[in-house]
Amino acid sequence: MAAYILVSWWAVKAAGLPGELPLPVWAAWVLGLPLLLAGGFLILAGLFRLGFQRAAGVEYFPGAEGVQLETSGLFAYTRNPMYLAGIFIFAALALLLRWTPMIPATVLVYLHVLAVGKWEERELAARYGEAYLAYRRRVPFLWPWLRR
């Protein structure tokens, strides 16, 4: 993710854009703080729901057979609450820091989430079969308000 910030910083400099967002400090806080709090909540809730090892991908390693598909809690509203948290946190930092390079960095994180998420979808479908496919039909990939 740091690479996305560096690339975005370079792109903003190369384009001659201002480094600081033309946004009043009060507006940055009014918009950014709720995003930061929501992102922090999603990260913590996801970690506690899955457990720290599973959130880090331990089920991809030997000895992780029998790990159940998580479909309750936040996972009943979005298949990827922790990815959504990352997007919220990057957007919040763009606002709170009022730093222009964080805007394209947030877009790059979003694109990264889409790419990695699609790879994970194939992996989960192969691992859990029809249970995952039914879950995927029922719960949106990222945005909970886009319920099916």
Protein backbone atom coordinates (compact mmCIF):
# COMPACT_ATOMS: atom_id res chain seq x y z
CA MET A 1 0.00 0.00 0.00
CA ALA A 2 2.94 2.32 0.62
CA ALA A 3 3.86 1.92 -3.05
CA TYR A 4 0.44 3.27 -4.00
CA ILE A 5 1.08 6.37 -1.91
CA LEU A 6 4.51 6.89 -3.47
CA VAL A 7 3.21 6.40 -7.02
CA SER A 8 0.32 8.77 -6.30
CA TRP A 9 2.65 11.38 -4.81
CA TRP A 10 4.84 11.21 -7.91
CA ALA A 11 1.80 11.44 -10.24
CA VAL A 12 0.42 14.47 -8.40
CA LYS A 13 3.84 16.18 -8.57
CA ALA A 14 4.27 15.30 -12.25
CA ALA A 15 0.80 16.65 -13.06
CA GLY A 16 1.58 19.88 -11.24
CA LEU A 17 -1.38 19.50 -8.89
CA PRO A 18 -1.35 21.12 -5.46
CA GLY A 19 -0.18 18.90 -2.63
CA GLU A 20 -2.88 20.11 -0.27
CA LEU A 21 -6.59 19.56 -0.85
CA PRO A 22 -8.53 22.84 -1.05
CA LEU A 23 -10.79 21.78 1.80
CA PRO A 24 -11.38 23.65 5.07
CA VAL A 25 -10.03 21.86 8.12
CA TRP A 26 -13.48 21.63 9.71
CA ALA A 27 -14.91 19.98 6.56
CA ALA A 28 -12.00 17.54 6.41
CA TRP A 29 -12.75 16.44 9.97
CA VAL A 30 -16.52 16.30 9.50
CA LEU A 31 -16.08 14.05 6.46
CA GLY A 32 -12.93 12.16 7.42
CA LEU A 33 -13.47 11.26 11.06
CA PRO A 34 -16.64 9.17 10.47
CA LEU A 35 -14.84 7.29 7.68
CA LEU A 36 -11.86 6.65 9.93
CA LEU A 37 -14.06 5.44 12.79
CA ALA A 38 -16.10 3.23 10.46
CA GLY A 39 -12.92 1.76 8.98
CA GLY A 40 -11.46 1.12 12.42
CA PHE A 41 -14.69 -0.55 13.55
CA LEU A 42 -14.80 -2.78 10.46
CA ILE A 43 -11.17 -3.84 10.88
CA LEU A 44 -11.54 -4.65 14.56
CA ALA A 45 -14.90 -6.38 14.17
CA GLY A 46 -13.56 -8.45 11.27
CA LEU A 47 -10.43 -9.41 13.18
CA PHE A 48 -12.37 -10.45 16.26
CA ARG A 49 -14.94 -12.35 14.18
CA LEU A 50 -12.35 -14.28 12.16
CA GLY A 51 -9.50 -14.32 14.64
CA PHE A 52 -6.14 -12.77 13.92
CA GLN A 53 -4.56 -15.86 12.33
CA ARG A 54 -7.46 -16.54 10.00
CA ALA A 55 -7.66 -12.88 8.99
CA ALA A 56 -4.00 -13.16 8.01
CA GLY A 57 -4.79 -16.10 5.71
CA VAL A 58 -3.78 -19.06 7.85
CA GLU A 59 -6.38 -21.24 6.10
CA TYR A 60 -4.19 -21.16 2.99
CA PHE A 61 -1.49 -23.13 4.77
CA PRO A 62 -1.25 -26.86 5.56
CA GLY A 63 -3.26 -28.04 8.55
CA ALA A 64 -6.12 -25.60 8.02
CA GLU A 65 -8.58 -28.14 6.68
CA GLY A 66 -12.07 -27.89 8.10
CA VAL A 67 -12.12 -24.08 8.40
CA GLN A 68 -15.76 -23.04 8.03
CA LEU A 69 -17.03 -20.31 5.72
CA GLU A 70 -17.83 -17.19 7.74
CA THR A 71 -21.24 -15.77 6.77
CA SER A 72 -22.51 -14.14 9.96
CA GLY A 73 -21.91 -10.83 11.71
CA LEU A 74 -20.50 -8.24 9.31
CA PHE A 75 -20.01 -10.99 6.75
CA ALA A 76 -23.80 -11.22 6.40
CA TYR A 77 -23.77 -7.68 4.93
CA THR A 78 -20.56 -7.62 2.90
CA ARG A 79 -18.29 -10.47 1.85
CA ASN A 80 -15.25 -8.26 2.45
CA PRO A 81 -15.69 -6.00 5.49
CA MET A 82 -11.95 -5.68 6.07
CA TYR A 83 -11.30 -4.62 2.48
CA LEU A 84 -14.07 -2.06 2.84
CA ALA A 85 -12.34 -0.85 6.00
CA GLY A 86 -9.10 -0.30 4.08
CA ILE A 87 -10.88 1.82 1.50
CA PHE A 88 -12.61 3.84 4.23
CA ILE A 89 -9.32 4.40 6.05
CA PHE A 90 -7.46 5.54 2.93
CA ALA A 91 -10.31 7.92 2.04
CA ALA A 92 -10.35 9.19 5.63
CA LEU A 93 -6.61 9.86 5.53
CA ALA A 94 -6.99 11.75 2.26
CA LEU A 95 -9.52 14.02 3.96
CA LEU A 96 -7.92 14.33 7.40
CA LEU A 97 -4.44 14.99 6.03
CA ARG A 98 -5.88 17.12 3.24
CA TRP A 99 -3.14 15.63 1.07
CA THR A 100 -3.93 15.33 -2.64
CA PRO A 101 -1.83 12.19 -3.32
CA MET A 102 -4.08 10.18 -1.00
CA ILE A 103 -6.95 10.53 -3.48
CA PRO A 104 -5.32 8.55 -6.32
CA ALA A 105 -3.82 6.23 -3.67
CA THR A 106 -7.36 5.48 -2.46
CA VAL A 107 -8.41 4.71 -6.03
CA LEU A 108 -5.42 2.36 -6.40
CA VAL A 109 -6.34 0.60 -3.15
CA TYR A 110 -9.90 0.20 -4.43
CA LEU A 111 -8.63 -1.33 -7.69
CA HIS A 112 -6.31 -3.59 -5.68
CA VAL A 113 -9.25 -4.75 -3.56
CA LEU A 114 -11.25 -5.56 -6.68
CA ALA A 115 -8.40 -7.57 -8.20
CA VAL A 116 -7.46 -9.49 -5.05
CA GLY A 117 -11.11 -9.99 -4.17
CA LYS A 118 -11.85 -11.57 -7.54
CA TRP A 119 -8.90 -13.93 -7.07
CA GLU A 120 -10.17 -14.83 -3.59
CA GLU A 121 -13.66 -15.43 -5.00
CA ARG A 122 -12.30 -18.18 -7.26
CA GLU A 123 -10.33 -19.67 -4.37
CA LEU A 124 -13.33 -19.65 -2.02
CA ALA A 125 -15.65 -21.10 -4.67
CA ALA A 126 -13.20 -23.94 -5.21
CA ARG A 127 -12.83 -24.55 -1.47
CA TYR A 128 -16.46 -24.24 -0.31
CA GLY A 129 -18.37 -25.04 -3.50
CA GLU A 130 -22.13 -24.43 -3.51
CA ALA A 131 -22.11 -22.99 0.03
CA TYR A 132 -19.90 -20.13 -1.16
CA LEU A 133 -21.77 -19.68 -4.43
CA ALA A 134 -25.06 -19.31 -2.52
CA TYR A 135 -23.40 -16.85 -0.12
CA ARG A 136 -22.02 -14.89 -3.09
CA ARG A 137 -25.50 -14.65 -4.63
CA ARG A 138 -26.97 -13.43 -1.34
CA VAL A 139 -24.34 -10.95 -0.05
CA PRO A 140 -22.68 -8.10 -1.99
CA PHE A 141 -18.96 -8.16 -2.68
CA LEU A 142 -18.13 -4.90 -0.92
CA TRP A 143 -20.82 -2.26 -0.48
CA PRO A 144 -23.53 -3.40 2.00
CA TRP A 145 -26.10 -0.92 0.69
CA LEU A 146 -25.99 -2.65 -2.71
CA ARG A 147 -27.83 -5.69 -1.32
CA ARG A 148 -29.17 -8.18 -3.79
